[in-house]
Amino acid sequence: MGWKAACVFASTPDAPPLTTFPPYRPERAKQLMSLMGGTYASRGMTSLDEGLYPKDSEHVYAGAYDQALVVGSTVAADSAFDGGVPWVVDHAGRLLPGARVLIITLHSVVDLFGYAWFEDGQLVRARAGAADGGVFFERGDPLPIERKLMDFDPESDGETIVMELCRPFIGCRLDEFTMWDLQMEHFVKTW
């Protein structure tokens, strides 16, 4: 099955995985949206199934929980692969001090993949590539999960690595997660 994703996962190191389906905290979502700049209107509740890949840059999906955040945003995902620390990492750190953050992007049509892992606001590892151009962005040493996958199967592709990197946040691989049960709120930028 082909995947499309433009999403950010953030949690404190001791947070329970998202497979526990923590209660949605609307006040934390409003805090997050206020940090993003601009004006956003709520379009109501939805789930990660819809929020994993927003249809354009004006749509943002916020999942806000006691010890975790999930943000579906093409802008946030794209900002992870330019060499700097994306604004969403700083925002997650304000709401979740000491947070670890994973930003992912997937688009199966062009075999695009990307992942960027941050600890305490600092980039630890980032890698992105596509079928036509190969790996076009790489920073930091491979993460233990990457090494383990590559030792097991040297041909592991970017999508497989992204699926596994979600495990510490979700509690399972992304493609094993029952996404429609994780509540998120849909916001649209009104400027």
Protein backbone atom coordinates (compact mmCIF):
# COMPACT_ATOMS: atom_id res chain seq x y z
CA MET A 1 0.00 0.00 0.00
CA GLY A 2 1.30 3.48 -0.82
CA TRP A 3 1.74 6.01 1.92
CA LYS A 4 1.50 9.78 2.09
CA ALA A 5 2.49 11.62 5.25
CA ALA A 6 3.54 15.07 6.38
CA CYS A 7 3.49 14.82 10.13
CA VAL A 8 5.27 15.64 13.38
CA PHE A 9 5.30 13.44 16.47
CA ALA A 10 6.55 14.86 19.77
CA SER A 11 6.56 13.42 23.26
CA THR A 12 8.32 13.53 26.57
CA PRO A 13 10.72 10.60 27.03
CA ASP A 14 8.43 8.95 29.61
CA ALA A 15 5.17 9.48 27.69
CA PRO A 16 2.95 6.47 27.17
CA PRO A 17 2.72 5.50 23.49
CA LEU A 18 -0.13 6.83 21.38
CA THR A 19 -1.53 3.28 21.17
CA THR A 20 -2.94 4.05 24.64
CA PHE A 21 -5.11 6.69 22.90
CA PRO A 22 -4.59 9.49 25.43
CA PRO A 23 -7.45 11.94 25.86
CA TYR A 24 -7.40 14.92 23.52
CA ARG A 25 -6.68 18.23 25.29
CA PRO A 26 -8.32 21.10 23.35
CA GLU A 27 -6.67 23.78 25.50
CA ARG A 28 -3.20 22.44 24.59
CA ALA A 29 -4.17 22.39 20.90
CA LYS A 30 -5.17 26.05 21.16
CA GLN A 31 -1.80 26.83 22.82
CA LEU A 32 0.00 25.08 19.99
CA MET A 33 -1.99 26.90 17.31
CA SER A 34 -1.35 30.27 18.99
CA LEU A 35 2.41 29.62 18.74
CA MET A 36 2.18 28.96 15.00
CA GLY A 37 1.46 32.55 13.99
CA GLY A 38 -1.48 33.62 11.90
CA THR A 39 -5.11 32.90 12.62
CA TYR A 40 -6.61 29.44 12.47
CA ALA A 41 -10.25 28.39 12.61
CA SER A 42 -11.28 25.00 13.87
CA ARG A 43 -13.11 22.74 11.44
CA GLY A 44 -13.90 20.21 14.14
CA MET A 45 -12.59 16.90 15.35
CA THR A 46 -11.10 14.20 13.19
CA SER A 47 -8.43 11.54 13.55
CA LEU A 48 -4.83 10.85 12.61
CA ASP A 49 -6.12 8.95 9.59
CA GLU A 50 -7.05 12.32 8.03
CA GLY A 51 -4.42 14.42 9.80
CA LEU A 52 -1.42 12.35 8.71
CA TYR A 53 -1.32 14.04 5.30
CA PRO A 54 -3.02 17.46 5.05
CA LYS A 55 -4.24 18.36 1.57
CA ASP A 56 -2.34 21.67 1.44
CA SER A 57 -0.36 24.21 3.46
CA GLU A 58 -3.48 25.99 4.78
CA HIS A 59 -4.68 22.91 6.66
CA VAL A 60 -3.14 21.88 9.98
CA TYR A 61 -4.18 18.99 12.19
CA ALA A 62 -3.33 19.17 15.89
CA GLY A 63 -3.34 16.27 18.29
CA ALA A 64 -2.59 17.59 21.77
CA TYR A 65 -2.33 15.28 24.76
CA ASP A 66 -0.77 15.51 28.24
CA GLN A 67 2.68 14.26 27.23
CA ALA A 68 2.54 14.21 23.44
CA LEU A 69 1.72 16.23 20.36
CA VAL A 70 0.96 15.22 16.80
CA VAL A 71 0.88 17.88 14.08
CA GLY A 72 -0.18 17.16 10.52
CA SER A 73 1.35 19.95 8.45
CA THR A 74 3.00 20.00 5.04
CA VAL A 75 4.80 23.23 5.97
CA ALA A 76 6.26 21.69 9.13
CA ALA A 77 7.34 18.53 7.31
CA ASP A 78 8.99 20.45 4.47
CA SER A 79 10.90 22.69 6.90
CA ALA A 80 12.74 19.71 8.38
CA PHE A 81 15.03 19.23 5.40
CA ASP A 82 16.67 22.62 4.92
CA GLY A 83 19.40 22.28 7.56
CA GLY A 84 17.87 24.36 10.36
CA VAL A 85 15.71 23.57 13.36
CA PRO A 86 12.06 23.85 12.28
CA TRP A 87 9.75 26.15 14.21
CA VAL A 88 7.55 23.20 15.19
CA VAL A 89 10.45 21.71 17.19
CA ASP A 90 10.71 24.91 19.23
CA HIS A 91 6.93 24.95 19.76
CA ALA A 92 6.93 21.34 20.91
CA GLY A 93 9.75 22.16 23.35
CA ARG A 94 7.71 24.99 24.86
CA LEU A 95 4.72 22.75 25.45
CA LEU A 96 6.69 19.60 26.30
CA PRO A 97 10.03 20.48 27.91
CA GLY A 98 12.69 17.90 27.03
CA ALA A 99 10.62 16.56 24.14
CA ARG A 100 11.90 14.28 21.45
CA VAL A 101 10.48 15.14 18.02
CA LEU A 102 10.18 13.12 14.84
CA ILE A 103 9.20 14.82 11.59
CA ILE A 104 8.25 12.52 8.72
CA THR A 105 7.37 12.91 5.09
CA LEU A 106 6.27 10.16 2.70
CA HIS A 107 4.85 10.20 -0.81
CA SER A 108 4.74 6.78 -2.43
CA VAL A 109 4.01 8.04 -5.96
CA VAL A 110 7.57 9.39 -6.25
CA ASP A 111 9.06 7.18 -3.52
CA LEU A 112 9.77 10.28 -1.43
CA PHE A 113 10.76 9.70 2.18
CA GLY A 114 12.17 11.88 4.90
CA TYR A 115 12.72 11.76 8.62
CA ALA A 116 14.27 14.16 11.09
CA TRP A 117 14.79 13.28 14.77
CA PHE A 118 15.37 15.99 17.38
CA GLU A 119 16.23 15.70 21.08
CA ASP A 120 15.92 18.74 23.37
CA GLY A 121 15.58 21.01 20.35
CA GLN A 122 18.73 19.73 18.61
CA LEU A 123 18.88 17.78 15.38
CA VAL A 124 20.20 14.26 15.98
CA ARG A 125 19.51 12.69 12.58
CA ALA A 126 17.84 13.65 9.32
CA ARG A 127 17.66 11.88 5.99
CA ALA A 128 15.49 12.38 2.91
CA GLY A 129 15.44 10.99 -0.60
CA ALA A 130 13.39 10.04 -3.61
CA ALA A 131 13.46 7.45 -6.37
CA ASP A 132 14.76 9.79 -9.07
CA GLY A 133 17.46 11.59 -7.12
CA GLY A 134 18.45 9.20 -4.36
CA VAL A 135 19.27 10.64 -0.94
CA PHE A 136 19.30 14.43 -1.21
CA PHE A 137 19.57 15.38 2.48
CA GLU A 138 21.51 13.67 5.26
CA ARG A 139 22.72 14.92 8.63
CA GLY A 140 23.90 13.11 11.75
CA ASP A 141 24.82 9.52 12.44
CA PRO A 142 22.31 6.72 11.84
CA LEU A 143 19.96 6.10 14.75
CA PRO A 144 20.03 2.73 16.54
CA ILE A 145 16.74 1.77 14.87
CA GLU A 146 18.26 2.52 11.44
CA ARG A 147 21.37 0.46 12.20
CA LYS A 148 19.29 -2.47 13.41
CA LEU A 149 17.15 -2.40 10.26
CA MET A 150 20.15 -2.10 7.97
CA ASP A 151 21.93 -4.97 9.77
CA PHE A 152 18.83 -7.12 9.30
CA ASP A 153 18.16 -6.02 5.72
CA PRO A 154 20.74 -3.82 3.96
CA GLU A 155 18.12 -3.03 1.30
CA SER A 156 15.70 -1.40 3.80
CA ASP A 157 14.09 1.52 2.05
CA GLY A 158 13.26 4.96 3.44
CA GLU A 159 9.59 4.16 3.90
CA THR A 160 10.41 1.10 6.01
CA ILE A 161 12.74 3.17 8.20
CA VAL A 162 10.07 5.88 8.66
CA MET A 163 7.53 3.23 9.71
CA GLU A 164 9.93 1.89 12.37
CA LEU A 165 11.04 5.32 13.64
CA CYS A 166 7.43 6.03 14.63
CA ARG A 167 7.49 3.10 17.08
CA PRO A 168 8.83 5.02 20.15
CA PHE A 169 6.05 7.61 19.74
CA ILE A 170 3.16 5.42 18.69
CA GLY A 171 4.01 2.09 20.32
CA CYS A 172 4.06 0.22 17.00
CA ARG A 173 5.04 0.78 13.39
CA LEU A 174 3.07 3.54 11.70
CA ASP A 175 1.54 1.06 9.25
CA GLU A 176 0.29 -1.08 12.18
CA PHE A 177 -1.47 1.78 14.00
CA THR A 178 -5.25 2.12 14.22
CA MET A 179 -5.14 5.79 13.25
CA TRP A 180 -8.83 6.55 13.17
CA ASP A 181 -8.99 6.15 16.95
CA LEU A 182 -6.48 8.92 17.76
CA GLN A 183 -8.34 12.22 18.05
CA MET A 184 -7.04 15.36 16.35
CA GLU A 185 -8.54 18.73 15.57
CA HIS A 186 -8.62 20.12 12.03
CA PHE A 187 -7.64 23.79 11.65
CA VAL A 188 -7.62 26.00 8.55
CA LYS A 189 -5.51 29.14 8.27
CA THR A 190 -7.66 32.26 7.94
CA TRP A 191 -4.62 34.62 8.13
